[in-house]
Amino acid sequence: MNKQTLIDNLNQDLAGELSAIIQYLTYAAKATGPFRPQLSQFFLTEVADEQLHAQFLANKIVALGGEPTTEPHPVPAAHTNREMLEAILVAERQATKDYTQRALEAEAFGDKGLMVQLEDMVRDESGHSEETERMLRDWPL
């Protein structure tokens, strides 16, 4: 694993976090129905974790000599509460997969601190996935 590849991959992760922030903020505004207050609050609560992840990634990219991206990945369109939760579940599962891979890359690069932080982010993202799965479990179609 060379430094530039690691920087590039971390920038892809940063783009994912920027996208997640936009996704959660937008979905919080779009939530409807009798569970709107709870769903909107759930979405907004997740923004703080995603911001911390984005800030860590941006700082690490700079520390490695790179330039942090300012371009998020596209946010999937979602029109119903269920579609929003399903889109979030896909994004959180992808983030878990990406950070698991990135932790292996950090270890191969020899950056133990980065590896440990990425493993913590795996824990965060998998927790978000589990909570979203539980919400969807009995959600009406």
N, C-alpha and C. Protein backbone atom coordinates (compact mmCIF):
# COMPACT_ATOMS: atom_id res chain seq x y z
N MET A 1 0.86 -1.19 0.00
CA MET A 1 0.00 0.00 0.00
C MET A 1 0.89 1.24 0.00
N ASN A 2 0.77 2.05 -1.04
CA ASN A 2 1.56 3.28 -1.05
C ASN A 2 0.73 4.45 -0.52
N LYS A 3 1.41 5.52 -0.16
CA LYS A 3 0.76 6.65 0.48
C LYS A 3 -0.31 7.29 -0.40
N GLN A 4 -0.03 7.47 -1.69
CA GLN A 4 -1.00 8.14 -2.56
C GLN A 4 -2.28 7.31 -2.71
N THR A 5 -2.14 6.00 -2.80
CA THR A 5 -3.34 5.15 -2.89
C THR A 5 -4.15 5.26 -1.62
N LEU A 6 -3.48 5.28 -0.48
CA LEU A 6 -4.19 5.42 0.80
C LEU A 6 -4.91 6.77 0.86
N ILE A 7 -4.23 7.84 0.45
CA ILE A 7 -4.86 9.17 0.42
C ILE A 7 -6.08 9.15 -0.49
N ASP A 8 -5.94 8.58 -1.67
CA ASP A 8 -7.06 8.52 -2.62
C ASP A 8 -8.24 7.76 -2.02
N ASN A 9 -7.95 6.64 -1.37
CA ASN A 9 -9.03 5.84 -0.77
C ASN A 9 -9.68 6.56 0.40
N LEU A 10 -8.87 7.25 1.20
CA LEU A 10 -9.43 8.04 2.30
C LEU A 10 -10.29 9.18 1.77
N ASN A 11 -9.91 9.74 0.63
CA ASN A 11 -10.73 10.79 0.01
C ASN A 11 -12.07 10.22 -0.47
N GLN A 12 -12.07 9.00 -0.94
CA GLN A 12 -13.35 8.37 -1.30
C GLN A 12 -14.22 8.20 -0.06
N ASP A 13 -13.59 7.82 1.04
CA ASP A 13 -14.34 7.70 2.30
C ASP A 13 -14.86 9.06 2.75
N LEU A 14 -14.04 10.08 2.61
CA LEU A 14 -14.46 11.44 2.98
C LEU A 14 -15.65 11.86 2.12
N ALA A 15 -15.62 11.58 0.84
CA ALA A 15 -16.76 11.89 -0.04
C ALA A 15 -18.01 11.18 0.45
N GLY A 16 -17.85 9.95 0.94
CA GLY A 16 -18.98 9.21 1.49
C GLY A 16 -19.53 9.86 2.75
N GLU A 17 -18.65 10.35 3.60
CA GLU A 17 -19.10 11.01 4.83
C GLU A 17 -19.80 12.34 4.51
N LEU A 18 -19.25 13.09 3.57
CA LEU A 18 -19.92 14.34 3.17
C LEU A 18 -21.31 14.04 2.61
N SER A 19 -21.40 12.99 1.84
CA SER A 19 -22.69 12.56 1.30
C SER A 19 -23.64 12.16 2.42
N ALA A 20 -23.13 11.45 3.42
CA ALA A 20 -23.98 11.01 4.54
C ALA A 20 -24.52 12.21 5.31
N ILE A 21 -23.69 13.23 5.50
CA ILE A 21 -24.15 14.43 6.20
C ILE A 21 -25.30 15.07 5.43
N ILE A 22 -25.13 15.22 4.13
CA ILE A 22 -26.18 15.80 3.29
C ILE A 22 -27.42 14.91 3.31
N GLN A 23 -27.20 13.62 3.20
CA GLN A 23 -28.31 12.67 3.20
C GLN A 23 -29.13 12.77 4.48
N TYR A 24 -28.47 12.74 5.62
CA TYR A 24 -29.19 12.81 6.89
C TYR A 24 -29.90 14.15 7.07
N LEU A 25 -29.25 15.24 6.72
CA LEU A 25 -29.90 16.55 6.85
C LEU A 25 -31.12 16.66 5.95
N THR A 26 -30.97 16.21 4.71
CA THR A 26 -32.08 16.28 3.76
C THR A 26 -33.23 15.38 4.17
N TYR A 27 -32.91 14.16 4.56
CA TYR A 27 -33.94 13.22 4.96
C TYR A 27 -34.65 13.69 6.23
N ALA A 28 -33.94 14.33 7.13
CA ALA A 28 -34.58 14.87 8.34
C ALA A 28 -35.66 15.88 7.96
N ALA A 29 -35.37 16.69 6.95
CA ALA A 29 -36.35 17.68 6.49
C ALA A 29 -37.52 17.02 5.77
N LYS A 30 -37.26 15.91 5.08
CA LYS A 30 -38.28 15.27 4.25
C LYS A 30 -39.15 14.26 4.99
N ALA A 31 -38.78 13.88 6.19
CA ALA A 31 -39.56 12.88 6.94
C ALA A 31 -41.00 13.38 7.13
N THR A 32 -41.94 12.46 7.01
CA THR A 32 -43.36 12.81 7.11
C THR A 32 -44.10 11.82 8.01
N GLY A 33 -45.36 12.13 8.28
CA GLY A 33 -46.22 11.19 8.98
C GLY A 33 -46.15 11.28 10.49
N PRO A 34 -46.85 10.34 11.14
CA PRO A 34 -46.96 10.40 12.60
C PRO A 34 -45.63 10.21 13.33
N PHE A 35 -44.64 9.59 12.69
CA PHE A 35 -43.34 9.37 13.34
C PHE A 35 -42.30 10.39 12.89
N ARG A 36 -42.76 11.44 12.22
CA ARG A 36 -41.84 12.46 11.72
C ARG A 36 -40.90 13.00 12.81
N PRO A 37 -41.42 13.39 13.98
CA PRO A 37 -40.50 13.96 14.99
C PRO A 37 -39.38 12.98 15.38
N GLN A 38 -39.72 11.72 15.59
CA GLN A 38 -38.72 10.74 15.99
C GLN A 38 -37.75 10.43 14.85
N LEU A 39 -38.29 10.29 13.65
CA LEU A 39 -37.46 9.96 12.50
C LEU A 39 -36.53 11.12 12.16
N SER A 40 -37.05 12.32 12.19
CA SER A 40 -36.24 13.50 11.92
C SER A 40 -35.12 13.62 12.96
N GLN A 41 -35.44 13.38 14.22
CA GLN A 41 -34.43 13.45 15.28
C GLN A 41 -33.38 12.36 15.10
N PHE A 42 -33.80 11.16 14.72
CA PHE A 42 -32.86 10.08 14.46
C PHE A 42 -31.86 10.50 13.38
N PHE A 43 -32.38 11.04 12.28
CA PHE A 43 -31.51 11.47 11.19
C PHE A 43 -30.54 12.55 11.66
N LEU A 44 -31.04 13.54 12.38
CA LEU A 44 -30.19 14.65 12.82
C LEU A 44 -29.13 14.20 13.82
N THR A 45 -29.46 13.24 14.66
CA THR A 45 -28.50 12.72 15.63
C THR A 45 -27.31 12.07 14.93
N GLU A 46 -27.57 11.42 13.81
CA GLU A 46 -26.51 10.73 13.08
C GLU A 46 -25.52 11.71 12.43
N VAL A 47 -25.97 12.94 12.17
CA VAL A 47 -25.11 13.93 11.52
C VAL A 47 -23.83 14.15 12.32
N ALA A 48 -23.94 14.20 13.65
CA ALA A 48 -22.77 14.48 14.48
C ALA A 48 -21.68 13.42 14.30
N ASP A 49 -22.05 12.15 14.27
CA ASP A 49 -21.07 11.08 14.05
C ASP A 49 -20.41 11.22 12.69
N GLU A 50 -21.21 11.48 11.68
CA GLU A 50 -20.68 11.60 10.33
C GLU A 50 -19.74 12.80 10.21
N GLN A 51 -20.08 13.90 10.90
CA GLN A 51 -19.20 15.08 10.89
C GLN A 51 -17.85 14.76 11.54
N LEU A 52 -17.89 14.02 12.65
CA LEU A 52 -16.64 13.63 13.31
C LEU A 52 -15.79 12.76 12.40
N HIS A 53 -16.44 11.82 11.71
CA HIS A 53 -15.72 10.96 10.76
C HIS A 53 -15.10 11.80 9.65
N ALA A 54 -15.89 12.71 9.10
CA ALA A 54 -15.41 13.56 7.99
C ALA A 54 -14.22 14.41 8.45
N GLN A 55 -14.31 14.98 9.65
CA GLN A 55 -13.22 15.82 10.15
C GLN A 55 -11.95 14.99 10.36
N PHE A 56 -12.11 13.80 10.94
CA PHE A 56 -10.95 12.93 11.12
C PHE A 56 -10.29 12.61 9.78
N LEU A 57 -11.11 12.21 8.80
CA LEU A 57 -10.57 11.85 7.50
C LEU A 57 -9.86 13.02 6.84
N ALA A 58 -10.48 14.20 6.88
CA ALA A 58 -9.86 15.38 6.28
C ALA A 58 -8.52 15.68 6.94
N ASN A 59 -8.48 15.62 8.27
CA ASN A 59 -7.23 15.87 8.99
C ASN A 59 -6.16 14.84 8.63
N LYS A 60 -6.56 13.58 8.53
CA LYS A 60 -5.60 12.52 8.23
C LYS A 60 -5.06 12.67 6.81
N ILE A 61 -5.93 13.01 5.88
CA ILE A 61 -5.51 13.22 4.49
C ILE A 61 -4.46 14.33 4.42
N VAL A 62 -4.70 15.43 5.14
CA VAL A 62 -3.73 16.53 5.17
C VAL A 62 -2.43 16.07 5.83
N ALA A 63 -2.55 15.33 6.93
CA ALA A 63 -1.35 14.85 7.63
C ALA A 63 -0.50 13.96 6.73
N LEU A 64 -1.15 13.24 5.83
CA LEU A 64 -0.43 12.36 4.90
C LEU A 64 0.11 13.13 3.68
N GLY A 65 -0.23 14.42 3.60
CA GLY A 65 0.28 15.24 2.49
C GLY A 65 -0.70 15.39 1.34
N GLY A 66 -1.95 15.00 1.56
CA GLY A 66 -2.96 15.10 0.51
C GLY A 66 -3.86 16.31 0.66
N GLU A 67 -4.77 16.43 -0.28
CA GLU A 67 -5.76 17.51 -0.29
C GLU A 67 -7.14 16.87 -0.10
N PRO A 68 -7.86 17.24 0.97
CA PRO A 68 -9.17 16.63 1.20
C PRO A 68 -10.18 17.05 0.14
N THR A 69 -10.99 16.10 -0.28
CA THR A 69 -12.03 16.40 -1.26
C THR A 69 -13.12 17.25 -0.62
N THR A 70 -13.78 18.02 -1.45
CA THR A 70 -14.96 18.77 -1.02
C THR A 70 -16.20 18.31 -1.79
N GLU A 71 -16.04 17.25 -2.56
CA GLU A 71 -17.12 16.74 -3.40
C GLU A 71 -17.73 15.49 -2.77
N PRO A 72 -19.00 15.55 -2.36
CA PRO A 72 -19.66 14.36 -1.82
C PRO A 72 -20.04 13.39 -2.94
N HIS A 73 -20.23 12.14 -2.55
CA HIS A 73 -20.86 11.20 -3.49
C HIS A 73 -22.31 11.66 -3.68
N PRO A 74 -22.96 11.29 -4.77
CA PRO A 74 -24.37 11.65 -4.95
C PRO A 74 -25.24 11.06 -3.84
N VAL A 75 -26.23 11.83 -3.43
CA VAL A 75 -27.19 11.36 -2.41
C VAL A 75 -28.36 10.71 -3.15
N PRO A 76 -28.68 9.46 -2.78
CA PRO A 76 -29.79 8.79 -3.48
C PRO A 76 -31.12 9.48 -3.21
N ALA A 77 -31.92 9.55 -4.25
CA ALA A 77 -33.26 10.10 -4.10
C ALA A 77 -34.11 9.13 -3.28
N ALA A 78 -34.90 9.68 -2.40
CA ALA A 78 -35.82 8.87 -1.60
C ALA A 78 -37.05 9.72 -1.32
N HIS A 79 -38.23 9.13 -1.52
CA HIS A 79 -39.45 9.92 -1.43
C HIS A 79 -40.33 9.57 -0.25
N THR A 80 -40.12 8.40 0.33
CA THR A 80 -40.92 8.00 1.49
C THR A 80 -39.98 7.73 2.66
N ASN A 81 -40.55 7.68 3.85
CA ASN A 81 -39.73 7.38 5.03
C ASN A 81 -39.01 6.05 4.86
N ARG A 82 -39.72 5.05 4.35
CA ARG A 82 -39.11 3.73 4.17
C ARG A 82 -37.96 3.80 3.16
N GLU A 83 -38.15 4.50 2.05
CA GLU A 83 -37.08 4.64 1.06
C GLU A 83 -35.86 5.34 1.66
N MET A 84 -36.11 6.33 2.51
CA MET A 84 -35.00 7.02 3.15
C MET A 84 -34.23 6.07 4.06
N LEU A 85 -34.95 5.31 4.87
CA LEU A 85 -34.29 4.36 5.77
C LEU A 85 -33.54 3.28 4.98
N GLU A 86 -34.14 2.83 3.90
CA GLU A 86 -33.47 1.81 3.07
C GLU A 86 -32.20 2.37 2.43
N ALA A 87 -32.25 3.62 1.97
CA ALA A 87 -31.07 4.25 1.38
C ALA A 87 -29.97 4.43 2.43
N ILE A 88 -30.37 4.78 3.62
CA ILE A 88 -29.39 4.94 4.70
C ILE A 88 -28.77 3.60 5.05
N LEU A 89 -29.57 2.56 5.08
CA LEU A 89 -29.05 1.23 5.39
C LEU A 89 -27.99 0.82 4.36
N VAL A 90 -28.26 1.06 3.10
CA VAL A 90 -27.29 0.75 2.04
C VAL A 90 -26.00 1.54 2.27
N ALA A 91 -26.12 2.82 2.56
CA ALA A 91 -24.95 3.68 2.74
C ALA A 91 -24.14 3.25 3.97
N GLU A 92 -24.81 2.93 5.06
CA GLU A 92 -24.10 2.54 6.29
C GLU A 92 -23.41 1.19 6.11
N ARG A 93 -24.05 0.27 5.42
CA ARG A 93 -23.41 -1.02 5.14
C ARG A 93 -22.18 -0.83 4.26
N GLN A 94 -22.27 0.06 3.28
CA GLN A 94 -21.13 0.33 2.41
C GLN A 94 -20.00 0.96 3.21
N ALA A 95 -20.33 1.90 4.09
CA ALA A 95 -19.30 2.54 4.91
C ALA A 95 -18.61 1.51 5.80
N THR A 96 -19.37 0.59 6.38
CA THR A 96 -18.79 -0.47 7.21
C THR A 96 -17.80 -1.30 6.39
N LYS A 97 -18.21 -1.66 5.19
CA LYS A 97 -17.35 -2.45 4.30
C LYS A 97 -16.09 -1.66 3.93
N ASP A 98 -16.29 -0.39 3.56
CA ASP A 98 -15.16 0.45 3.15
C ASP A 98 -14.16 0.65 4.28
N TYR A 99 -14.65 0.92 5.50
CA TYR A 99 -13.74 1.16 6.62
C TYR A 99 -13.04 -0.13 7.06
N THR A 100 -13.69 -1.25 6.90
CA THR A 100 -13.04 -2.53 7.19
C THR A 100 -11.85 -2.71 6.25
N GLN A 101 -12.08 -2.44 4.97
CA GLN A 101 -11.01 -2.53 3.97
C GLN A 101 -9.91 -1.50 4.25
N ARG A 102 -10.32 -0.29 4.58
CA ARG A 102 -9.35 0.78 4.80
C ARG A 102 -8.49 0.48 6.03
N ALA A 103 -9.06 -0.16 7.06
CA ALA A 103 -8.27 -0.52 8.24
C ALA A 103 -7.17 -1.51 7.85
N LEU A 104 -7.50 -2.45 6.96
CA LEU A 104 -6.49 -3.39 6.47
C LEU A 104 -5.39 -2.66 5.70
N GLU A 105 -5.81 -1.67 4.90
CA GLU A 105 -4.85 -0.88 4.13
C GLU A 105 -3.96 -0.06 5.06
N ALA A 106 -4.54 0.51 6.12
CA ALA A 106 -3.75 1.29 7.07
C ALA A 106 -2.73 0.41 7.78
N GLU A 107 -3.15 -0.82 8.10
CA GLU A 107 -2.22 -1.75 8.73
C GLU A 107 -1.07 -2.10 7.77
N ALA A 108 -1.40 -2.36 6.51
CA ALA A 108 -0.37 -2.67 5.52
C ALA A 108 0.57 -1.48 5.31
N PHE A 109 0.04 -0.27 5.42
CA PHE A 109 0.84 0.94 5.28
C PHE A 109 1.72 1.16 6.51
N GLY A 110 1.32 0.55 7.63
CA GLY A 110 2.11 0.69 8.86
C GLY A 110 1.64 1.79 9.78
N ASP A 111 0.39 2.24 9.60
CA ASP A 111 -0.16 3.31 10.44
C ASP A 111 -1.17 2.70 11.42
N LYS A 112 -0.65 2.29 12.56
CA LYS A 112 -1.48 1.61 13.57
C LYS A 112 -2.58 2.53 14.11
N GLY A 113 -2.25 3.80 14.33
CA GLY A 113 -3.25 4.76 14.83
C GLY A 113 -4.42 4.89 13.87
N LEU A 114 -4.12 5.00 12.59
CA LEU A 114 -5.17 5.09 11.59
C LEU A 114 -6.00 3.81 11.56
N MET A 115 -5.33 2.67 11.66
CA MET A 115 -6.04 1.39 11.66
C MET A 115 -7.04 1.33 12.82
N VAL A 116 -6.60 1.71 14.00
CA VAL A 116 -7.47 1.65 15.17
C VAL A 116 -8.65 2.62 15.02
N GLN A 117 -8.39 3.82 14.54
CA GLN A 117 -9.47 4.79 14.35
C GLN A 117 -10.48 4.29 13.32
N LEU A 118 -9.99 3.70 12.25
CA LEU A 118 -10.90 3.16 11.23
C LEU A 118 -11.72 2.00 11.78
N GLU A 119 -11.12 1.19 12.64
CA GLU A 119 -11.88 0.11 13.27
C GLU A 119 -12.97 0.67 14.18
N ASP A 120 -12.68 1.78 14.87
CA ASP A 120 -13.72 2.45 15.66
C ASP A 120 -14.85 2.96 14.76
N MET A 121 -14.49 3.43 13.58
CA MET A 121 -15.50 3.92 12.65
C MET A 121 -16.33 2.76 12.10
N VAL A 122 -15.72 1.58 11.95
CA VAL A 122 -16.48 0.38 11.57
C VAL A 122 -17.54 0.12 12.63
N ARG A 123 -17.14 0.22 13.89
CA ARG A 123 -18.09 0.02 14.99
C ARG A 123 -19.25 1.02 14.90
N ASP A 124 -18.92 2.28 14.69
CA ASP A 124 -19.97 3.31 14.58
C ASP A 124 -20.93 3.01 13.44
N GLU A 125 -20.37 2.76 12.27
CA GLU A 125 -21.21 2.55 11.08
C GLU A 125 -22.05 1.27 11.20
N SER A 126 -21.47 0.22 11.75
CA SER A 126 -22.26 -1.02 11.91
C SER A 126 -23.36 -0.81 12.94
N GLY A 127 -23.10 0.02 13.95
CA GLY A 127 -24.16 0.37 14.91
C GLY A 127 -25.29 1.13 14.25
N HIS A 128 -24.94 2.05 13.34
CA HIS A 128 -25.97 2.79 12.60
C HIS A 128 -26.78 1.82 11.74
N SER A 129 -26.10 0.87 11.11
CA SER A 129 -26.80 -0.12 10.28
C SER A 129 -27.78 -0.93 11.11
N GLU A 130 -27.32 -1.40 12.26
CA GLU A 130 -28.18 -2.22 13.11
C GLU A 130 -29.40 -1.45 13.57
N GLU A 131 -29.22 -0.20 13.96
CA GLU A 131 -30.35 0.61 14.41
C GLU A 131 -31.34 0.83 13.26
N THR A 132 -30.83 1.09 12.07
CA THR A 132 -31.70 1.29 10.91
C THR A 132 -32.43 -0.01 10.56
N GLU A 133 -31.74 -1.13 10.62
CA GLU A 133 -32.38 -2.44 10.37
C GLU A 133 -33.53 -2.66 11.35
N ARG A 134 -33.30 -2.34 12.61
CA ARG A 134 -34.35 -2.52 13.61
C ARG A 134 -35.56 -1.63 13.32
N MET A 135 -35.32 -0.42 12.85
CA MET A 135 -36.42 0.48 12.52
C MET A 135 -37.20 -0.05 11.33
N LEU A 136 -36.51 -0.61 10.36
CA LEU A 136 -37.17 -1.13 9.16
C LEU A 136 -37.91 -2.44 9.39
N ARG A 137 -37.53 -3.16 10.43
CA ARG A 137 -38.06 -4.50 10.65
C ARG A 137 -39.59 -4.55 10.63
N ASP A 138 -40.25 -3.64 11.29
CA ASP A 138 -41.71 -3.65 11.35
C ASP A 138 -42.32 -2.43 10.66
N TRP A 139 -41.51 -1.78 9.81
CA TRP A 139 -42.01 -0.58 9.13
C TRP A 139 -43.02 -1.01 8.07
N PRO A 140 -44.16 -0.35 8.02
CA PRO A 140 -45.16 -0.73 7.01
C PRO A 140 -44.65 -0.46 5.59
N LEU A 141 -45.05 -1.31 4.68
CA LEU A 141 -44.66 -1.13 3.27
C LEU A 141 -45.48 -0.04 2.71
